[in-house]
Protein backbone atom coordinates (compact mmCIF):
# COMPACT_ATOMS: atom_id res chain seq x y z
CA UNK A 1 -19.34 -17.68 18.33
CA UNK A 2 -21.43 -19.34 15.64
CA UNK A 3 -22.73 -16.21 13.56
CA UNK A 4 -24.91 -16.72 10.46
CA UNK A 5 -25.04 -13.40 8.09
CA UNK A 6 -28.14 -13.05 5.86
CA UNK A 7 -27.72 -11.90 2.44
CA UNK A 8 -25.73 -12.65 -0.88
CA UNK A 9 -24.43 -9.81 -1.87
CA UNK A 10 -20.59 -7.64 -1.50
CA UNK A 11 -21.95 -6.29 1.63
CA UNK A 12 -22.33 -9.52 3.21
CA UNK A 13 -19.12 -10.88 1.86
CA UNK A 14 -17.17 -7.57 3.32
CA UNK A 15 -19.05 -8.15 6.79
CA UNK A 16 -18.02 -11.94 6.61
CA UNK A 17 -14.22 -10.99 5.69
CA UNK A 18 -13.96 -8.88 8.37
CA UNK A 19 -15.81 -10.91 11.10
CA UNK A 20 -13.83 -13.99 10.07
CA UNK A 21 -10.88 -12.17 11.28
CA UNK A 22 -12.19 -12.10 15.00
CA UNK A 23 -10.76 -14.47 17.62
CA UNK A 24 -14.34 -14.64 19.38
CA UNK A 25 -15.76 -16.58 15.88
CA UNK A 26 -16.03 -20.47 15.72
CA UNK A 27 -18.19 -20.79 12.99
CA UNK A 28 -19.25 -18.62 10.31
CA UNK A 29 -22.49 -19.23 8.07
CA UNK A 30 -24.17 -17.36 4.98
CA UNK A 31 -27.76 -17.47 3.90
CA UNK A 32 -27.46 -17.69 0.84
CA UNK A 33 -24.03 -16.33 0.15
CA UNK A 34 -22.12 -16.49 -2.86
CA UNK A 35 -19.07 -17.92 -4.30
CA UNK A 36 -16.72 -15.60 -2.34
CA UNK A 37 -18.51 -16.26 0.81
CA UNK A 38 -18.20 -19.87 0.41
CA UNK A 39 -14.37 -19.37 0.83
CA UNK A 40 -14.64 -18.06 4.14
CA UNK A 41 -17.68 -19.76 5.64
CA UNK A 42 -20.45 -22.11 5.06
CA UNK A 43 -23.22 -21.27 2.40
CA UNK A 44 -26.62 -22.39 3.16
CA UNK A 45 -29.46 -22.90 0.54
CA UNK A 46 -31.79 -20.74 2.67
CA UNK A 47 -34.05 -17.65 1.31
CA UNK A 48 -33.34 -14.63 3.36
CA UNK A 49 -37.19 -14.38 3.61
CA UNK A 50 -37.66 -17.67 5.07
CA UNK A 51 -37.75 -16.95 8.59
CA UNK A 52 -39.02 -20.53 9.49
CA UNK A 53 -36.34 -22.09 7.79
CA UNK A 54 -33.71 -19.68 9.36
CA UNK A 55 -35.20 -20.53 12.73
CA UNK A 56 -34.98 -24.34 12.01
CA UNK A 57 -31.13 -24.11 11.17
CA UNK A 58 -30.40 -21.54 14.00
CA UNK A 59 -32.02 -24.12 16.74
CA UNK A 60 -29.94 -26.86 15.02
CA UNK A 61 -26.70 -25.41 15.18
CA UNK A 62 -27.29 -23.41 18.58
CA UNK A 63 -26.53 -20.12 16.70
CA UNK A 64 -25.34 -17.33 18.89
CA UNK A 65 -25.78 -14.33 16.73
CA UNK A 66 -27.69 -13.36 13.18
CA UNK A 67 -26.37 -10.32 11.34
CA UNK A 68 -28.64 -9.38 8.75
CA UNK A 69 -27.65 -7.69 5.45
CA UNK A 70 -30.35 -6.79 2.77
CA UNK A 71 -33.61 -4.47 3.65
CA UNK A 72 -36.25 -7.15 2.72
CA UNK A 73 -35.92 -9.43 5.97
CA UNK A 74 -35.44 -6.29 8.06
CA UNK A 75 -38.58 -4.48 6.69
CA UNK A 76 -40.59 -7.64 6.99
CA UNK A 77 -39.63 -7.94 10.72
CA UNK A 78 -37.21 -10.63 11.12
CA UNK A 79 -35.86 -8.88 14.42
CA UNK A 80 -39.13 -9.53 16.13
CA UNK A 81 -39.50 -12.92 14.58
CA UNK A 82 -36.37 -13.94 16.53
CA UNK A 83 -37.09 -12.10 19.62
CA UNK A 84 -40.45 -12.98 20.02
CA UNK A 85 -39.99 -16.95 19.60
CA UNK A 86 -38.98 -18.57 22.93
CA UNK A 87 -36.75 -20.81 20.93
CA UNK A 88 -34.81 -18.03 19.14
CA UNK A 89 -34.70 -15.05 21.84
CA UNK A 90 -31.43 -15.38 23.16
CA UNK A 91 -29.87 -15.42 19.60
CA UNK A 92 -28.19 -11.99 19.34
CA UNK A 93 -30.06 -9.96 16.42
CA UNK A 94 -28.05 -7.48 14.46
CA UNK A 95 -31.10 -5.83 13.07
CA UNK A 96 -33.63 -3.14 13.57
CA UNK A 97 -37.24 -3.81 14.80
CA UNK A 98 -40.01 -4.07 12.38
CA UNK A 99 -41.53 -0.46 13.45
CA UNK A 100 -37.67 1.00 13.25
CA UNK A 101 -36.79 -0.38 9.83
CA UNK A 102 -39.95 1.77 8.47
CA UNK A 103 -37.34 4.40 8.45
CA UNK A 104 -36.47 2.74 5.40
CA UNK A 105 -39.05 0.82 4.36
CA UNK A 106 -41.33 3.89 4.11
CA UNK A 107 -40.10 7.35 2.74
CA UNK A 108 -43.29 9.14 4.54
CA UNK A 109 -42.74 7.40 8.11
CA UNK A 110 -38.97 8.57 7.78
CA UNK A 111 -39.86 12.03 6.59
CA UNK A 112 -42.79 12.19 9.60
CA UNK A 113 -39.91 11.02 11.87
CA UNK A 114 -37.53 13.57 10.76
CA UNK A 115 -40.33 16.54 11.21
CA UNK A 116 -41.07 15.24 14.95
CA UNK A 117 -37.22 15.42 15.80
CA UNK A 118 -36.35 18.64 13.63
CA UNK A 119 -33.99 16.69 11.59
CA UNK A 120 -33.02 18.91 8.46
CA UNK A 121 -34.45 17.31 5.21
CA UNK A 122 -35.92 18.76 1.67
CA UNK A 123 -39.32 19.87 2.03
CA UNK A 124 -41.76 17.46 0.62
CA UNK A 125 -45.50 16.30 0.02
CA UNK A 126 -46.98 12.80 -0.44
CA UNK A 127 -49.45 11.51 -2.83
CA UNK A 128 -51.26 8.38 -4.00
CA UNK A 129 -54.02 7.59 -6.77
CA UNK A 130 -56.74 9.54 -5.35
CA UNK A 131 -54.52 12.62 -4.88
CA UNK A 132 -53.05 12.16 -8.44
CA UNK A 133 -54.27 15.56 -9.65
CA UNK A 134 -52.86 17.23 -6.22
CA UNK A 135 -49.35 15.74 -7.11
CA UNK A 136 -49.41 17.44 -10.92
CA UNK A 137 -50.46 20.38 -9.25
CA UNK A 138 -47.57 20.33 -6.82
CA UNK A 139 -45.20 19.75 -10.00
CA UNK A 140 -46.35 23.04 -11.40
CA UNK A 141 -45.55 24.97 -8.35
CA UNK A 142 -41.86 23.53 -8.03
CA UNK A 143 -38.80 24.54 -10.10
CA UNK A 144 -36.99 21.89 -12.09
CA UNK A 145 -35.72 19.54 -11.36
CA UNK A 146 -38.26 17.46 -10.10
CA UNK A 147 -37.30 14.75 -7.35
CA UNK A 148 -39.88 12.00 -7.13
CA UNK A 149 -39.44 8.78 -4.90
CA UNK A 150 -41.55 6.06 -4.54
CA UNK A 151 -42.64 5.29 -0.75
CA UNK A 152 -41.53 1.48 -0.36
CA UNK A 153 -38.39 -0.51 -1.00
CA UNK A 154 -37.27 -0.44 -4.83
CA UNK A 155 -33.91 -1.69 -4.71
CA UNK A 156 -32.50 1.50 -4.87
CA UNK A 157 -33.89 2.50 -8.35
CA UNK A 158 -37.19 3.98 -7.19
CA UNK A 159 -35.76 7.52 -7.17
CA UNK A 160 -36.39 9.77 -10.25
CA UNK A 161 -34.89 13.19 -10.97
CA UNK A 162 -36.56 14.90 -13.85
CA UNK A 163 -36.06 18.41 -15.75
CA UNK A 164 -39.37 18.29 -17.66
CA UNK A 165 -42.76 18.67 -15.83
CA UNK A 166 -45.06 16.72 -18.25
CA UNK A 167 -42.37 14.26 -18.15
CA UNK A 168 -42.39 14.32 -14.21
CA UNK A 169 -46.15 13.92 -14.55
CA UNK A 170 -46.32 10.85 -17.02
CA UNK A 171 -43.71 9.24 -14.59
CA UNK A 172 -46.11 9.85 -11.77
CA UNK A 173 -48.93 8.35 -13.72
CA UNK A 174 -46.92 5.12 -14.64
CA UNK A 175 -45.75 4.46 -10.91
CA UNK A 176 -49.33 5.05 -9.29
CA UNK A 177 -51.42 3.61 -12.14
CA UNK A 178 -49.29 1.26 -14.04
CA UNK A 179 -47.37 -0.02 -11.01
CA UNK A 180 -44.14 0.68 -12.76
CA UNK A 181 -42.21 -0.01 -9.11
CA UNK A 182 -45.01 -2.66 -7.95
CA UNK A 183 -46.49 -2.24 -4.35
CA UNK A 184 -43.41 0.08 -3.49
CA UNK A 185 -45.23 2.78 -5.55
CA UNK A 186 -48.53 2.94 -4.22
CA UNK A 187 -47.40 6.03 -2.57
CA UNK A 188 -45.08 8.57 -3.83
CA UNK A 189 -42.83 11.54 -2.25
CA UNK A 190 -42.40 14.65 -4.41
CA UNK A 191 -39.53 16.88 -2.89
CA UNK A 192 -37.38 19.93 -3.69
CA UNK A 193 -34.57 19.24 -5.25
CA UNK A 194 -31.19 19.56 -2.87
CA UNK A 195 -27.88 21.15 -5.16
CA UNK A 196 -24.88 19.63 -3.35
CA UNK A 197 -22.34 16.86 -2.71
CA UNK A 198 -23.72 13.54 -1.48
CA UNK A 199 -22.13 11.32 0.96
CA UNK A 200 -23.00 8.48 3.12
CA UNK A 201 -22.55 8.48 7.03
CA UNK A 202 -23.00 4.96 9.02
CA UNK A 203 -23.24 4.49 12.96
CA UNK A 204 -23.50 1.60 14.93
CA UNK A 205 -26.15 1.79 17.69
CA UNK A 206 -28.16 0.07 20.47
CA UNK A 207 -30.92 2.42 20.08
CA UNK A 208 -29.68 4.57 22.87
CA UNK A 209 -25.94 5.32 22.43
CA UNK A 210 -23.76 5.02 19.01
CA UNK A 211 -20.40 4.80 17.63
CA UNK A 212 -19.48 6.44 14.35
CA UNK A 213 -18.20 4.49 11.57
CA UNK A 214 -16.02 5.67 8.51
CA UNK A 215 -18.08 7.91 5.75
CA UNK A 216 -18.26 7.07 2.38
CA UNK A 217 -19.25 8.42 -1.19
CA UNK A 218 -21.18 6.08 -3.67
CA UNK A 219 -21.84 6.34 -7.32
CA UNK A 220 -25.21 5.66 -8.33
CA UNK A 221 -25.57 6.18 -12.12
CA UNK A 222 -24.60 3.46 -14.17
CA UNK A 223 -22.59 6.03 -16.72
CA UNK A 224 -19.22 7.76 -16.44
CA UNK A 225 -19.79 11.35 -15.13
CA UNK A 226 -22.87 10.31 -13.25
CA UNK A 227 -24.70 9.44 -16.47
CA UNK A 228 -27.60 6.94 -17.26
CA UNK A 229 -29.99 4.78 -15.15
CA UNK A 230 -29.74 4.58 -11.33
CA UNK A 231 -28.19 1.34 -9.93
CA UNK A 232 -27.58 -0.02 -6.79
CA UNK A 233 -24.37 1.60 -6.76
CA UNK A 234 -21.20 1.25 -9.33
CA UNK A 235 -18.38 2.08 -6.61
CA UNK A 236 -17.51 4.10 -3.49
CA UNK A 237 -14.73 5.58 -1.58
CA UNK A 238 -13.80 6.47 1.94
CA UNK A 239 -13.02 8.81 3.37
CA UNK A 240 -14.71 11.75 1.88
CA UNK A 241 -12.51 14.93 1.30
CA UNK A 242 -15.10 17.33 2.35
CA UNK A 243 -16.17 15.36 5.53
CA UNK A 244 -13.94 17.80 7.50
CA UNK A 245 -14.33 17.92 11.24
CA UNK A 246 -16.61 21.13 11.30
CA UNK A 247 -19.19 19.57 8.65
CA UNK A 248 -18.76 16.20 10.68
CA UNK A 249 -19.58 17.78 13.95
CA UNK A 250 -22.57 19.44 12.40
CA UNK A 251 -23.82 16.03 11.18
CA UNK A 252 -23.66 14.71 14.64
CA UNK A 253 -25.32 17.53 16.49
CA UNK A 254 -28.23 18.11 13.78
CA UNK A 255 -28.72 14.76 12.58
CA UNK A 256 -27.14 11.59 14.47
CA UNK A 257 -27.68 12.30 17.91
CA UNK A 258 -31.26 13.74 17.07
CA UNK A 259 -32.07 10.52 15.17
CA UNK A 260 -30.73 8.17 17.76
CA UNK A 261 -32.50 10.33 20.81
CA UNK A 262 -35.75 9.96 18.61
CA UNK A 263 -35.69 6.13 18.36
CA UNK A 264 -34.86 5.94 21.95
CA UNK A 265 -37.67 8.49 22.72
CA UNK A 266 -40.30 6.51 20.88
CA UNK A 267 -39.39 3.31 22.31
CA UNK A 268 -38.11 1.91 19.14
CA UNK A 269 -36.07 -1.26 19.44
CA UNK A 270 -32.99 -0.78 17.35
CA UNK A 271 -29.36 -2.98 17.55
CA UNK A 272 -27.64 -2.84 14.19
CA UNK A 273 -26.41 0.05 11.51
CA UNK A 274 -28.18 3.23 10.43
CA UNK A 275 -27.13 4.31 7.06
CA UNK A 276 -27.67 8.13 6.49
CA UNK A 277 -27.72 9.22 3.17
CA UNK A 278 -26.82 12.89 3.35
CA UNK A 279 -26.53 16.07 0.76
CA UNK A 280 -23.86 18.89 1.81
CA UNK A 281 -25.91 22.07 0.47
CA UNK A 282 -23.28 24.90 1.31
CA UNK A 283 -21.46 23.08 4.16
CA UNK A 284 -25.10 21.98 5.61
CA UNK A 285 -26.04 18.55 5.90
CA UNK A 286 -29.58 17.52 5.29
CA UNK A 287 -30.80 13.97 5.24
CA UNK A 288 -31.94 12.45 1.99
CA UNK A 289 -33.04 9.17 3.25
CA UNK A 290 -32.18 6.67 5.92
CA UNK A 291 -31.12 2.98 5.37
CA UNK A 292 -31.40 0.69 8.28
CA UNK A 293 -28.35 -1.68 7.15
CA UNK A 294 -24.74 -0.65 5.91
CA UNK A 295 -24.96 0.38 2.16
CA UNK A 296 -23.56 -1.60 -0.80
CA UNK A 297 -21.11 -0.71 -2.44
CA UNK A 298 -20.31 1.63 0.48
CA UNK A 299 -19.66 -1.17 3.09
CA UNK A 300 -16.57 -2.34 0.93
CA UNK A 301 -14.95 0.70 1.30
CA UNK A 302 -15.76 1.48 4.90
CA UNK A 303 -15.44 -1.99 6.41
CA UNK A 304 -11.79 -2.28 5.34
CA UNK A 305 -11.05 0.81 7.30
CA UNK A 306 -12.40 -0.70 10.58
CA UNK A 307 -9.10 -1.71 12.34
CA UNK A 308 -10.17 -3.40 15.32
CA UNK A 309 -12.67 -6.54 16.23
CA UNK A 310 -16.11 -5.75 14.46
CA UNK A 311 -17.73 -9.02 16.15
CA UNK A 312 -16.66 -7.66 19.53
CA UNK A 313 -18.64 -4.38 18.83
CA UNK A 314 -21.38 -5.88 17.53
CA UNK A 315 -21.44 -8.15 20.60
CA UNK A 316 -21.47 -4.95 22.75
CA UNK A 317 -24.04 -3.59 20.51
CA UNK A 318 -26.54 -6.30 20.65
CA UNK A 319 -26.29 -6.37 24.62
CA UNK A 320 -26.96 -2.73 24.99
CA UNK A 321 -23.31 -1.69 25.43
CA UNK A 322 -22.47 0.10 22.36
CA UNK A 323 -20.80 3.06 24.53
CA UNK A 324 -18.32 0.40 25.62
CA UNK A 325 -17.59 -0.40 22.01
CA UNK A 326 -14.28 1.00 20.36
CA UNK A 327 -13.88 1.68 16.50
CA UNK A 328 -10.50 2.60 15.21
CA UNK A 329 -10.00 3.61 11.54
CA UNK A 330 -7.41 3.05 9.30
CA UNK A 331 -6.24 6.32 7.79
CA UNK A 332 -5.73 4.93 4.44
CA UNK A 333 -8.32 5.80 1.73
CA UNK A 334 -10.33 2.77 0.02
CA UNK A 335 -11.44 2.98 -3.59
CA UNK A 336 -14.12 0.33 -4.68
CA UNK A 337 -14.95 -0.49 -8.42
CA UNK A 338 -17.86 -2.44 -9.19
CA UNK A 339 -17.72 -4.93 -11.90
CA UNK A 340 -21.14 -5.29 -13.24
CA UNK A 341 -22.98 -7.31 -16.04
CA UNK A 342 -23.75 -5.74 -19.34
CA UNK A 343 -27.23 -4.34 -19.39
CA UNK A 344 -27.45 -3.65 -15.58
CA UNK A 345 -29.55 -2.31 -14.25
CA UNK A 346 -32.17 -3.55 -16.99
CA UNK A 347 -31.89 -6.77 -18.39
CA UNK A 348 -28.59 -8.61 -18.29
CA UNK A 349 -27.16 -12.42 -19.04
CA UNK A 350 -25.67 -14.46 -16.14
CA UNK A 351 -23.36 -17.73 -15.97
CA UNK A 352 -20.47 -15.98 -17.34
CA UNK A 353 -17.39 -17.56 -16.35
CA UNK A 354 -15.39 -15.22 -14.60
CA UNK A 355 -11.34 -15.60 -14.89
CA UNK A 356 -8.44 -13.70 -13.20
CA UNK A 357 -9.62 -13.68 -9.62
CA UNK A 358 -6.18 -15.72 -8.72
CA UNK A 359 -4.04 -13.73 -10.87
CA UNK A 360 -1.11 -11.77 -9.31
CA UNK A 361 -3.24 -9.05 -7.53
CA UNK A 362 -1.81 -6.81 -4.61
CA UNK A 363 -1.93 -7.63 -0.96
CA UNK A 364 -3.61 -3.91 -0.70
CA UNK A 365 -6.54 -5.03 -3.14
CA UNK A 366 -9.50 -7.27 -1.84
CA UNK A 367 -12.23 -9.13 -4.11
CA UNK A 368 -15.68 -8.91 -2.64
CA UNK A 369 -17.98 -11.04 -4.64
CA UNK A 370 -21.82 -9.89 -4.88
CA UNK A 371 -23.60 -11.91 -8.07
CA UNK A 372 -21.53 -14.84 -8.20
CA UNK A 373 -22.16 -18.63 -7.60
CA UNK A 374 -20.30 -22.03 -8.29
CA UNK A 375 -21.36 -23.90 -11.47
CA UNK A 376 -21.44 -27.78 -11.50
CA UNK A 377 -18.15 -27.51 -12.73
CA UNK A 378 -17.00 -25.47 -9.42
CA UNK A 379 -16.18 -22.66 -11.67
CA UNK A 380 -16.91 -19.00 -10.57
CA UNK A 381 -19.58 -17.69 -12.87
CA UNK A 382 -21.97 -14.31 -12.88
CA UNK A 383 -25.37 -14.73 -11.32
CA UNK A 384 -26.49 -10.95 -10.91
CA UNK A 385 -26.28 -7.52 -12.20
CA UNK A 386 -23.51 -6.48 -9.86
CA UNK A 387 -20.93 -9.24 -9.71
CA UNK A 388 -17.84 -8.03 -8.31
CA UNK A 389 -16.45 -5.18 -6.08
CA UNK A 390 -13.11 -4.50 -6.30
CA UNK A 391 -11.60 -2.53 -2.80
CA UNK A 392 -8.06 -1.34 -2.62
CA UNK A 393 -5.95 0.43 0.19
CA UNK A 394 -3.79 3.49 -0.99
CA UNK A 395 -1.91 6.11 1.28
CA UNK A 396 -3.79 8.69 -1.12
CA UNK A 397 -7.16 8.26 -2.89
CA UNK A 398 -5.11 8.16 -6.33
CA UNK A 399 -3.07 5.11 -5.12
CA UNK A 400 -6.28 3.59 -3.96
CA UNK A 401 -8.13 3.82 -7.14
CA UNK A 402 -4.92 2.92 -9.40
CA UNK A 403 -4.57 -0.40 -7.68
CA UNK A 404 -8.46 -1.29 -8.05
CA UNK A 405 -8.45 -0.35 -11.71
CA UNK A 406 -5.43 -2.49 -11.85
CA UNK A 407 -6.85 -5.60 -10.43
CA UNK A 408 -10.35 -4.94 -12.38
CA UNK A 409 -8.41 -5.16 -15.69
CA UNK A 410 -7.30 -8.74 -14.98
CA UNK A 411 -10.76 -9.97 -13.82
CA UNK A 412 -12.61 -10.92 -17.01
CA UNK A 413 -15.93 -12.32 -17.79
CA UNK A 414 -17.93 -11.95 -20.92
CA UNK A 415 -20.30 -8.75 -20.95
CA UNK A 416 -18.25 -7.05 -17.87
CA UNK A 417 -18.98 -3.51 -17.47
CA UNK A 418 -17.72 -0.87 -14.98
CA UNK A 419 -17.17 2.85 -14.63
CA UNK A 420 -13.55 4.24 -15.16
CA UNK A 421 -13.90 7.43 -13.37
CA UNK A 422 -14.70 6.28 -9.75
CA UNK A 423 -13.41 8.61 -7.24
CA UNK A 424 -11.69 10.73 -9.77
CA UNK A 425 -14.11 13.95 -9.20
CA UNK A 426 -12.71 14.07 -5.67
CA UNK A 427 -8.79 14.04 -6.39
CA UNK A 428 -8.77 17.70 -6.44
CA UNK A 429 -10.23 17.82 -3.04
CA UNK A 430 -7.52 15.93 -1.02
């Protein structure tokens, strides 16, 4: 099969790394990809949002499958674009439809969907400019901390958790009137704070049936001890020790099954991944958010734990035969440490040469590229805030963590930063 993966991050490199192992693959392409994906496929200078250029390429090479990594083209309707085009309709598309993608594209849409299908989540209210005074009044009625979310896409940074009521009101004003998050913040959600432990659960679905993938826990804050600004994610681990059989049974019965059943009942077309951002509150799972794709950096911990042919499972899913797919897990732990540019998630420098990637790194360690590119000298340099994800297997979590940090220490670029505590809060729970 000729497969195109849309995106340029660590998630897309991890997907490509796994798919490249399939004997069903003939050619692998990335749009636009990064320095790491160039080593396992062919990078294309195509913007993920340029659907017409993607179409031209798909027709030219007689593409068999497109896998969409990031959320923006999903919410913009790339699935519908392909399926409504007579020249593209036979290409297998691993993505939800435009309306299904609103489960991530609009927090209010997702909350209303959960309410219709009795899926447990935090209580909330939504507000816009017109109802600003109502938002302030609602803040006064709540107990801190206050959770404020922008309705639209904000690259994983549109969630604020604040302890001071007046500060919360100022932030709401900044979002609604000063457009702090741009168009994504035209509407906000204010919801009750859930006190518990987060985890991410993933399924592959054809909109009727699903298969459960390994779960993960990610670390969003830039600073150790979960301090500082929210980021796209600074690391992840899989499996999650508190995701017991008892807890995961609750997740499936109360959240996953009603979600997939709701998608089917409402006639929403969906052929791809669902990410369930969950909170474990005293042993009960509640939905924090849906994502309509694999997470990043969770994918870099989850995908290495899939033992069998992922491409085969994706083919079956695209044909509405997910129930025939078989996913087997590697029993080992995987720990992922994200190496970022100094200043991230705010302003940072790029074009910093990266060294140590070809050093003596364990065969149980994988280096997934995110913000990298090749310069004119064919050197690998930084090109983003999150630059690399170092993932390692270990029989026990402590072994996986140690291997990832051992590799991270060998990789150098000017201004590199990474958290030193990924997974360490969970060691006592294994």
